[in-house]
Amino acid sequence: MQAKELSHFNNEGRARMVDVGDKEDTRRMAIAQGEIIMQAETLKLIKGRKIAKGDVLAVAQIAGIMAAKQTSQIIPMCHPLMLTSVDLNFEIKEKARKIVIKSKVETIGKTGVEMEALTAVAVAGLTIYDMCKAVDRGITIKNIYLIEKTGGKSGHYQRIE
């Protein structure tokens, strides 16, 4: 297999934003996931909406959506995109003391939405941490990764566990 060239560098080895002007618009979708692990008592407080700062998952969902919309402002080489859909879901796993965060982002455009989906998950996790740090500084955000993406020249990608 031939190694791919890194597209975000020019001939002098300096950073550049890739030109996507000649690419066709296609429907694009990406799903990302991550998890946030905490003390059992912290998870109980979140479930019962007893964290002093408010409804943790509602705020994290809004933060994740806002982050997806602002990804090009955070990640230097990302193109600004007109997103057609952003959704975040939270699955509480009490025995594992964690919340699984999953985002799905869609657009019709010239470049994919993988970074937007990953950013949504990361910022939702950071928001949960921020809202709960007063009761649990040992919260861990981990395993943020792309599950699936569709559209564009590279087509469909599905993570295999």
N, C-alpha and C. Protein backbone atom coordinates (compact mmCIF):
# COMPACT_ATOMS: atom_id res chain seq x y z
N MET A 1 0.84 -1.18 0.00
CA MET A 1 0.00 0.00 0.00
C MET A 1 0.88 1.25 0.00
N GLN A 2 0.55 2.19 -0.84
CA GLN A 2 1.32 3.43 -0.98
C GLN A 2 0.91 4.42 0.11
N ALA A 3 1.90 5.08 0.69
CA ALA A 3 1.63 6.07 1.75
C ALA A 3 0.96 7.30 1.12
N LYS A 4 -0.06 7.84 1.81
CA LYS A 4 -0.73 9.05 1.34
C LYS A 4 0.08 10.26 1.74
N GLU A 5 0.01 11.28 0.89
CA GLU A 5 0.67 12.54 1.18
C GLU A 5 -0.20 13.34 2.12
N LEU A 6 0.40 14.06 3.05
CA LEU A 6 -0.36 14.93 3.94
C LEU A 6 -0.79 16.17 3.16
N SER A 7 -2.07 16.43 3.14
CA SER A 7 -2.61 17.48 2.27
C SER A 7 -2.57 18.88 2.88
N HIS A 8 -2.29 18.99 4.16
CA HIS A 8 -2.33 20.30 4.81
C HIS A 8 -0.97 20.99 4.86
N PHE A 9 -0.07 20.57 3.97
CA PHE A 9 1.25 21.21 3.88
C PHE A 9 1.52 21.57 2.44
N ASN A 10 2.10 22.77 2.23
CA ASN A 10 2.44 23.17 0.87
C ASN A 10 3.82 22.61 0.50
N ASN A 11 4.35 22.99 -0.66
CA ASN A 11 5.64 22.47 -1.13
C ASN A 11 6.80 22.84 -0.23
N GLU A 12 6.65 23.92 0.52
CA GLU A 12 7.71 24.34 1.45
C GLU A 12 7.55 23.71 2.84
N GLY A 13 6.55 22.86 3.00
CA GLY A 13 6.32 22.21 4.28
C GLY A 13 5.56 23.06 5.28
N ARG A 14 4.98 24.15 4.81
CA ARG A 14 4.21 25.04 5.70
C ARG A 14 2.73 24.68 5.63
N ALA A 15 2.04 24.99 6.71
CA ALA A 15 0.61 24.68 6.81
C ALA A 15 -0.18 25.45 5.77
N ARG A 16 -1.23 24.80 5.26
CA ARG A 16 -2.15 25.44 4.33
C ARG A 16 -3.53 24.82 4.48
N MET A 17 -4.51 25.57 4.10
CA MET A 17 -5.87 25.05 4.06
C MET A 17 -6.08 24.46 2.68
N VAL A 18 -6.52 23.22 2.61
CA VAL A 18 -6.70 22.51 1.35
C VAL A 18 -7.76 23.21 0.49
N ASP A 19 -7.50 23.31 -0.81
CA ASP A 19 -8.46 23.89 -1.75
C ASP A 19 -9.50 22.83 -2.11
N VAL A 20 -10.76 23.06 -1.73
CA VAL A 20 -11.83 22.12 -2.05
C VAL A 20 -12.78 22.70 -3.10
N GLY A 21 -12.38 23.80 -3.72
CA GLY A 21 -13.24 24.51 -4.66
C GLY A 21 -13.73 23.69 -5.83
N ASP A 22 -12.94 22.75 -6.32
CA ASP A 22 -13.34 21.95 -7.48
C ASP A 22 -14.08 20.67 -7.12
N LYS A 23 -14.21 20.39 -5.83
CA LYS A 23 -14.90 19.17 -5.41
C LYS A 23 -16.41 19.32 -5.57
N GLU A 24 -17.07 18.20 -5.82
CA GLU A 24 -18.52 18.18 -5.94
C GLU A 24 -19.16 18.20 -4.56
N ASP A 25 -20.30 18.86 -4.45
CA ASP A 25 -21.09 18.77 -3.23
C ASP A 25 -21.69 17.38 -3.13
N THR A 26 -21.54 16.75 -1.98
CA THR A 26 -22.18 15.47 -1.71
C THR A 26 -22.75 15.50 -0.30
N ARG A 27 -23.70 14.62 -0.06
CA ARG A 27 -24.26 14.47 1.29
C ARG A 27 -23.18 13.81 2.14
N ARG A 28 -22.92 14.39 3.31
CA ARG A 28 -21.87 13.90 4.20
C ARG A 28 -22.44 13.70 5.60
N MET A 29 -21.94 12.66 6.26
CA MET A 29 -22.40 12.35 7.61
C MET A 29 -21.22 11.77 8.37
N ALA A 30 -21.14 12.09 9.66
CA ALA A 30 -20.13 11.49 10.53
C ALA A 30 -20.73 11.24 11.90
N ILE A 31 -20.35 10.11 12.49
CA ILE A 31 -20.75 9.76 13.84
C ILE A 31 -19.48 9.56 14.65
N ALA A 32 -19.42 10.22 15.81
CA ALA A 32 -18.27 10.09 16.71
C ALA A 32 -18.78 9.72 18.10
N GLN A 33 -17.86 9.18 18.89
CA GLN A 33 -18.23 8.75 20.23
C GLN A 33 -17.08 8.99 21.19
N GLY A 34 -17.41 9.16 22.45
CA GLY A 34 -16.42 9.27 23.51
C GLY A 34 -17.09 8.88 24.82
N GLU A 35 -16.30 8.84 25.87
CA GLU A 35 -16.88 8.50 27.17
C GLU A 35 -16.26 9.34 28.27
N ILE A 36 -17.05 9.51 29.31
CA ILE A 36 -16.60 10.27 30.46
C ILE A 36 -16.89 9.42 31.69
N ILE A 37 -15.83 9.17 32.46
CA ILE A 37 -15.90 8.26 33.60
C ILE A 37 -15.80 9.08 34.88
N MET A 38 -16.59 8.71 35.87
CA MET A 38 -16.66 9.50 37.11
C MET A 38 -17.02 8.60 38.28
N GLN A 39 -17.06 9.21 39.45
CA GLN A 39 -17.49 8.49 40.64
C GLN A 39 -18.98 8.15 40.51
N ALA A 40 -19.38 7.06 41.13
CA ALA A 40 -20.78 6.64 41.08
C ALA A 40 -21.70 7.73 41.63
N GLU A 41 -21.27 8.40 42.68
CA GLU A 41 -22.09 9.46 43.29
C GLU A 41 -22.28 10.63 42.32
N THR A 42 -21.27 10.95 41.57
CA THR A 42 -21.37 12.04 40.58
C THR A 42 -22.40 11.68 39.52
N LEU A 43 -22.34 10.45 39.03
CA LEU A 43 -23.29 9.98 38.03
C LEU A 43 -24.72 10.04 38.58
N LYS A 44 -24.87 9.68 39.82
CA LYS A 44 -26.18 9.72 40.48
C LYS A 44 -26.70 11.17 40.55
N LEU A 45 -25.82 12.10 40.87
CA LEU A 45 -26.21 13.52 40.92
C LEU A 45 -26.63 14.03 39.53
N ILE A 46 -25.90 13.61 38.50
CA ILE A 46 -26.25 14.01 37.13
C ILE A 46 -27.62 13.46 36.77
N LYS A 47 -27.83 12.18 37.01
CA LYS A 47 -29.12 11.54 36.69
C LYS A 47 -30.28 12.21 37.42
N GLY A 48 -30.05 12.58 38.67
CA GLY A 48 -31.10 13.21 39.46
C GLY A 48 -31.21 14.71 39.26
N ARG A 49 -30.41 15.24 38.36
CA ARG A 49 -30.38 16.69 38.08
C ARG A 49 -30.14 17.49 39.36
N LYS A 50 -29.16 17.01 40.13
CA LYS A 50 -28.86 17.62 41.43
C LYS A 50 -27.52 18.37 41.44
N ILE A 51 -26.88 18.52 40.29
CA ILE A 51 -25.65 19.30 40.21
C ILE A 51 -26.03 20.77 40.29
N ALA A 52 -25.32 21.53 41.14
CA ALA A 52 -25.66 22.93 41.41
C ALA A 52 -25.73 23.80 40.16
N LYS A 53 -24.91 23.50 39.15
CA LYS A 53 -24.87 24.35 37.95
C LYS A 53 -26.05 24.10 37.00
N GLY A 54 -26.86 23.06 37.25
CA GLY A 54 -28.02 22.83 36.40
C GLY A 54 -28.05 21.45 35.79
N ASP A 55 -28.90 21.30 34.78
CA ASP A 55 -29.08 20.03 34.08
C ASP A 55 -27.86 19.77 33.20
N VAL A 56 -26.96 18.93 33.69
CA VAL A 56 -25.66 18.71 33.06
C VAL A 56 -25.79 18.23 31.62
N LEU A 57 -26.62 17.24 31.39
CA LEU A 57 -26.70 16.68 30.03
C LEU A 57 -27.38 17.63 29.05
N ALA A 58 -28.34 18.41 29.51
CA ALA A 58 -28.97 19.40 28.62
C ALA A 58 -27.95 20.47 28.21
N VAL A 59 -27.17 20.94 29.16
CA VAL A 59 -26.16 21.95 28.84
C VAL A 59 -25.06 21.36 27.96
N ALA A 60 -24.63 20.12 28.25
CA ALA A 60 -23.59 19.47 27.44
C ALA A 60 -24.07 19.25 26.02
N GLN A 61 -25.36 18.94 25.84
CA GLN A 61 -25.90 18.74 24.50
C GLN A 61 -25.85 20.05 23.71
N ILE A 62 -26.25 21.14 24.32
CA ILE A 62 -26.19 22.44 23.64
C ILE A 62 -24.74 22.83 23.34
N ALA A 63 -23.85 22.60 24.30
CA ALA A 63 -22.43 22.91 24.09
C ALA A 63 -21.85 22.11 22.93
N GLY A 64 -22.20 20.84 22.84
CA GLY A 64 -21.71 20.00 21.74
C GLY A 64 -22.21 20.48 20.40
N ILE A 65 -23.48 20.86 20.34
CA ILE A 65 -24.04 21.37 19.08
C ILE A 65 -23.34 22.68 18.69
N MET A 66 -23.17 23.58 19.66
CA MET A 66 -22.49 24.84 19.39
C MET A 66 -21.05 24.61 18.93
N ALA A 67 -20.38 23.64 19.55
CA ALA A 67 -18.99 23.33 19.18
C ALA A 67 -18.90 22.82 17.75
N ALA A 68 -19.82 21.94 17.37
CA ALA A 68 -19.81 21.42 16.00
C ALA A 68 -19.93 22.58 15.01
N LYS A 69 -20.80 23.54 15.32
CA LYS A 69 -21.02 24.68 14.44
C LYS A 69 -19.81 25.60 14.37
N GLN A 70 -18.95 25.57 15.39
CA GLN A 70 -17.80 26.47 15.45
C GLN A 70 -16.46 25.76 15.23
N THR A 71 -16.47 24.53 14.75
CA THR A 71 -15.23 23.76 14.61
C THR A 71 -14.17 24.49 13.82
N SER A 72 -14.54 25.16 12.76
CA SER A 72 -13.53 25.86 11.94
C SER A 72 -12.88 27.02 12.70
N GLN A 73 -13.50 27.47 13.77
CA GLN A 73 -12.90 28.52 14.60
C GLN A 73 -11.91 27.95 15.62
N ILE A 74 -11.97 26.65 15.84
CA ILE A 74 -11.14 25.99 16.86
C ILE A 74 -9.99 25.22 16.22
N ILE A 75 -10.26 24.50 15.13
CA ILE A 75 -9.27 23.66 14.46
C ILE A 75 -8.77 24.43 13.23
N PRO A 76 -7.49 24.80 13.21
CA PRO A 76 -6.99 25.75 12.21
C PRO A 76 -7.24 25.42 10.74
N MET A 77 -7.16 24.18 10.32
CA MET A 77 -7.28 23.88 8.89
C MET A 77 -8.66 23.40 8.47
N CYS A 78 -9.64 23.48 9.36
CA CYS A 78 -11.00 23.06 9.02
C CYS A 78 -11.72 24.15 8.24
N HIS A 79 -12.46 23.73 7.23
CA HIS A 79 -13.27 24.67 6.45
C HIS A 79 -14.55 24.98 7.22
N PRO A 80 -15.01 26.23 7.14
CA PRO A 80 -16.33 26.53 7.72
C PRO A 80 -17.40 25.80 6.90
N LEU A 81 -18.32 25.14 7.59
CA LEU A 81 -19.34 24.35 6.90
C LEU A 81 -20.73 24.79 7.31
N MET A 82 -21.66 24.65 6.38
CA MET A 82 -23.07 24.86 6.69
C MET A 82 -23.63 23.49 7.07
N LEU A 83 -23.77 23.27 8.36
CA LEU A 83 -24.26 21.98 8.84
C LEU A 83 -25.77 21.91 8.67
N THR A 84 -26.24 20.75 8.25
CA THR A 84 -27.68 20.56 8.09
C THR A 84 -28.31 19.87 9.29
N SER A 85 -27.47 19.20 10.11
CA SER A 85 -27.99 18.49 11.28
C SER A 85 -26.86 18.21 12.26
N VAL A 86 -27.13 18.41 13.55
CA VAL A 86 -26.21 18.02 14.62
C VAL A 86 -27.06 17.43 15.73
N ASP A 87 -26.72 16.23 16.18
CA ASP A 87 -27.44 15.61 17.27
C ASP A 87 -26.45 14.94 18.21
N LEU A 88 -26.71 15.04 19.50
CA LEU A 88 -25.89 14.37 20.52
C LEU A 88 -26.80 13.52 21.39
N ASN A 89 -26.30 12.34 21.76
CA ASN A 89 -27.02 11.46 22.67
C ASN A 89 -26.08 11.04 23.78
N PHE A 90 -26.66 10.79 24.95
CA PHE A 90 -25.90 10.39 26.13
C PHE A 90 -26.48 9.09 26.65
N GLU A 91 -25.63 8.10 26.83
CA GLU A 91 -26.06 6.83 27.40
C GLU A 91 -25.35 6.65 28.73
N ILE A 92 -26.14 6.61 29.79
CA ILE A 92 -25.58 6.44 31.13
C ILE A 92 -25.40 4.95 31.40
N LYS A 93 -24.17 4.58 31.77
CA LYS A 93 -23.85 3.18 32.11
C LYS A 93 -23.41 3.16 33.57
N GLU A 94 -24.38 2.89 34.44
CA GLU A 94 -24.14 3.00 35.88
C GLU A 94 -23.06 2.06 36.39
N LYS A 95 -23.08 0.81 35.96
CA LYS A 95 -22.09 -0.16 36.47
C LYS A 95 -20.67 0.25 36.11
N ALA A 96 -20.49 0.83 34.94
CA ALA A 96 -19.16 1.27 34.49
C ALA A 96 -18.85 2.69 34.97
N ARG A 97 -19.80 3.35 35.62
CA ARG A 97 -19.65 4.73 36.12
C ARG A 97 -19.29 5.69 34.99
N LYS A 98 -19.99 5.57 33.87
CA LYS A 98 -19.63 6.43 32.74
C LYS A 98 -20.86 6.85 31.94
N ILE A 99 -20.63 7.89 31.16
CA ILE A 99 -21.61 8.35 30.19
C ILE A 99 -20.96 8.23 28.82
N VAL A 100 -21.62 7.54 27.90
CA VAL A 100 -21.15 7.45 26.53
C VAL A 100 -21.81 8.59 25.76
N ILE A 101 -20.98 9.39 25.12
CA ILE A 101 -21.44 10.55 24.35
C ILE A 101 -21.32 10.19 22.88
N LYS A 102 -22.40 10.36 22.13
CA LYS A 102 -22.37 10.06 20.70
C LYS A 102 -22.94 11.25 19.94
N SER A 103 -22.23 11.65 18.88
CA SER A 103 -22.72 12.74 18.04
C SER A 103 -22.90 12.26 16.61
N LYS A 104 -23.85 12.87 15.94
CA LYS A 104 -24.06 12.64 14.51
C LYS A 104 -24.20 14.01 13.86
N VAL A 105 -23.37 14.25 12.85
CA VAL A 105 -23.35 15.54 12.17
C VAL A 105 -23.53 15.30 10.68
N GLU A 106 -24.33 16.16 10.03
CA GLU A 106 -24.58 16.02 8.60
C GLU A 106 -24.47 17.37 7.88
N THR A 107 -24.13 17.28 6.61
CA THR A 107 -24.09 18.45 5.73
C THR A 107 -24.20 17.98 4.29
N ILE A 108 -24.39 18.93 3.41
CA ILE A 108 -24.22 18.71 1.97
C ILE A 108 -23.14 19.70 1.57
N GLY A 109 -21.99 19.18 1.15
CA GLY A 109 -20.90 20.09 0.85
C GLY A 109 -19.71 19.41 0.22
N LYS A 110 -18.59 20.15 0.20
CA LYS A 110 -17.37 19.74 -0.48
C LYS A 110 -16.38 19.03 0.43
N THR A 111 -16.62 19.04 1.73
CA THR A 111 -15.69 18.41 2.66
C THR A 111 -16.48 17.79 3.82
N GLY A 112 -15.87 16.81 4.46
CA GLY A 112 -16.57 16.00 5.46
C GLY A 112 -16.77 16.68 6.80
N VAL A 113 -17.53 16.01 7.65
CA VAL A 113 -17.90 16.54 8.96
C VAL A 113 -17.33 15.71 10.11
N GLU A 114 -16.25 14.98 9.84
CA GLU A 114 -15.65 14.17 10.91
C GLU A 114 -15.17 15.04 12.07
N MET A 115 -14.50 16.14 11.76
CA MET A 115 -13.97 17.00 12.82
C MET A 115 -15.09 17.64 13.62
N GLU A 116 -16.19 17.96 12.97
CA GLU A 116 -17.33 18.55 13.67
C GLU A 116 -17.94 17.54 14.64
N ALA A 117 -18.05 16.28 14.21
CA ALA A 117 -18.61 15.25 15.09
C ALA A 117 -17.68 14.99 16.27
N LEU A 118 -16.38 14.92 16.01
CA LEU A 118 -15.41 14.70 17.09
C LEU A 118 -15.37 15.88 18.06
N THR A 119 -15.43 17.09 17.53
CA THR A 119 -15.41 18.29 18.36
C THR A 119 -16.66 18.35 19.24
N ALA A 120 -17.80 17.98 18.69
CA ALA A 120 -19.04 17.96 19.47
C ALA A 120 -18.91 17.04 20.68
N VAL A 121 -18.36 15.85 20.48
CA VAL A 121 -18.17 14.90 21.58
C VAL A 121 -17.19 15.45 22.61
N ALA A 122 -16.07 15.97 22.14
CA ALA A 122 -15.04 16.48 23.06
C ALA A 122 -15.57 17.63 23.92
N VAL A 123 -16.27 18.57 23.30
CA VAL A 123 -16.77 19.72 24.05
C VAL A 123 -17.93 19.32 24.97
N ALA A 124 -18.76 18.39 24.56
CA ALA A 124 -19.80 17.89 25.47
C ALA A 124 -19.15 17.27 26.70
N GLY A 125 -18.08 16.48 26.50
CA GLY A 125 -17.36 15.90 27.63
C GLY A 125 -16.72 16.94 28.52
N LEU A 126 -16.11 17.93 27.92
CA LEU A 126 -15.51 19.02 28.70
C LEU A 126 -16.56 19.80 29.49
N THR A 127 -17.73 19.96 28.91
CA THR A 127 -18.82 20.65 29.61
C THR A 127 -19.29 19.85 30.82
N ILE A 128 -19.42 18.54 30.64
CA ILE A 128 -19.78 17.69 31.79
C ILE A 128 -18.74 17.84 32.88
N TYR A 129 -17.46 17.78 32.49
CA TYR A 129 -16.39 17.96 33.48
C TYR A 129 -16.53 19.31 34.20
N ASP A 130 -16.70 20.36 33.43
CA ASP A 130 -16.79 21.70 34.01
C ASP A 130 -17.95 21.81 35.00
N MET A 131 -19.07 21.25 34.66
CA MET A 131 -20.25 21.36 35.52
C MET A 131 -20.16 20.49 36.77
N CYS A 132 -19.31 19.46 36.73
CA CYS A 132 -19.24 18.50 37.85
C CYS A 132 -17.93 18.56 38.63
N LYS A 133 -16.98 19.38 38.20
CA LYS A 133 -15.66 19.37 38.83
C LYS A 133 -15.68 19.74 40.31
N ALA A 134 -16.66 20.48 40.74
CA ALA A 134 -16.75 20.85 42.16
C ALA A 134 -16.99 19.64 43.05
N VAL A 135 -17.62 18.60 42.50
CA VAL A 135 -17.88 17.40 43.30
C VAL A 135 -16.97 16.22 42.93
N ASP A 136 -16.28 16.31 41.77
CA ASP A 136 -15.47 15.17 41.32
C ASP A 136 -14.37 15.65 40.37
N ARG A 137 -13.20 15.94 40.90
CA ARG A 137 -12.08 16.40 40.05
C ARG A 137 -11.40 15.25 39.32
N GLY A 138 -11.74 14.02 39.65
CA GLY A 138 -11.11 12.86 39.01
C GLY A 138 -11.82 12.37 37.76
N ILE A 139 -12.77 13.14 37.28
CA ILE A 139 -13.50 12.75 36.05
C ILE A 139 -12.49 12.60 34.91
N THR A 140 -12.69 11.57 34.09
CA THR A 140 -11.80 11.30 32.97
C THR A 140 -12.60 11.26 31.67
N ILE A 141 -12.12 12.00 30.69
CA ILE A 141 -12.69 11.98 29.34
C ILE A 141 -11.75 11.13 28.49
N LYS A 142 -12.30 10.11 27.81
CA LYS A 142 -11.41 9.25 27.03
C LYS A 142 -12.12 8.60 25.85
N ASN A 143 -11.30 7.94 25.05
CA ASN A 143 -11.79 7.14 23.91
C ASN A 143 -12.69 7.93 22.97
N ILE A 144 -12.24 9.08 22.52
CA ILE A 144 -13.00 9.86 21.53
C ILE A 144 -12.52 9.41 20.16
N TYR A 145 -13.48 8.94 19.34
CA TYR A 145 -13.09 8.41 18.03
C TYR A 145 -14.25 8.47 17.04
N LEU A 146 -13.90 8.37 15.77
CA LEU A 146 -14.87 8.34 14.69
C LEU A 146 -15.42 6.92 14.56
N ILE A 147 -16.74 6.80 14.53
CA ILE A 147 -17.39 5.50 14.34
C ILE A 147 -17.68 5.24 12.87
N GLU A 148 -18.19 6.28 12.21
CA GLU A 148 -18.61 6.09 10.82
C GLU A 148 -18.62 7.43 10.12
N LYS A 149 -18.39 7.39 8.80
CA LYS A 149 -18.54 8.58 7.97
C LYS A 149 -18.95 8.15 6.58
N THR A 150 -19.76 9.00 5.94
CA THR A 150 -20.18 8.73 4.57
C THR A 150 -19.99 9.99 3.73
N GLY A 151 -19.93 9.79 2.41
CA GLY A 151 -19.85 10.89 1.48
C GLY A 151 -18.45 11.20 1.02
N GLY A 152 -18.37 11.96 -0.05
CA GLY A 152 -17.07 12.39 -0.57
C GLY A 152 -16.35 11.33 -1.37
N LYS A 153 -15.16 11.69 -1.82
CA LYS A 153 -14.35 10.82 -2.67
C LYS A 153 -13.95 9.53 -1.97
N SER A 154 -13.67 9.62 -0.67
CA SER A 154 -13.22 8.41 0.04
C SER A 154 -14.37 7.49 0.43
N GLY A 155 -15.61 7.96 0.26
CA GLY A 155 -16.77 7.10 0.47
C GLY A 155 -17.08 6.79 1.91
N HIS A 156 -17.47 5.55 2.14
CA HIS A 156 -17.94 5.11 3.45
C HIS A 156 -16.80 4.56 4.29
N TYR A 157 -16.79 4.95 5.57
CA TYR A 157 -15.85 4.38 6.55
C TYR A 157 -16.68 3.89 7.72
N GLN A 158 -16.42 2.69 8.17
CA GLN A 158 -17.06 2.12 9.36
C GLN A 158 -15.98 1.55 10.24
N ARG A 159 -15.90 2.03 11.49
CA ARG A 159 -14.92 1.53 12.43
C ARG A 159 -15.25 0.08 12.77
N ILE A 160 -14.23 -0.73 12.79
CA ILE A 160 -14.38 -2.13 13.17
C ILE A 160 -13.69 -2.34 14.50
N GLU A 161 -14.44 -2.81 15.47
CA GLU A 161 -13.89 -3.03 16.81
C GLU A 161 -13.19 -4.37 16.90
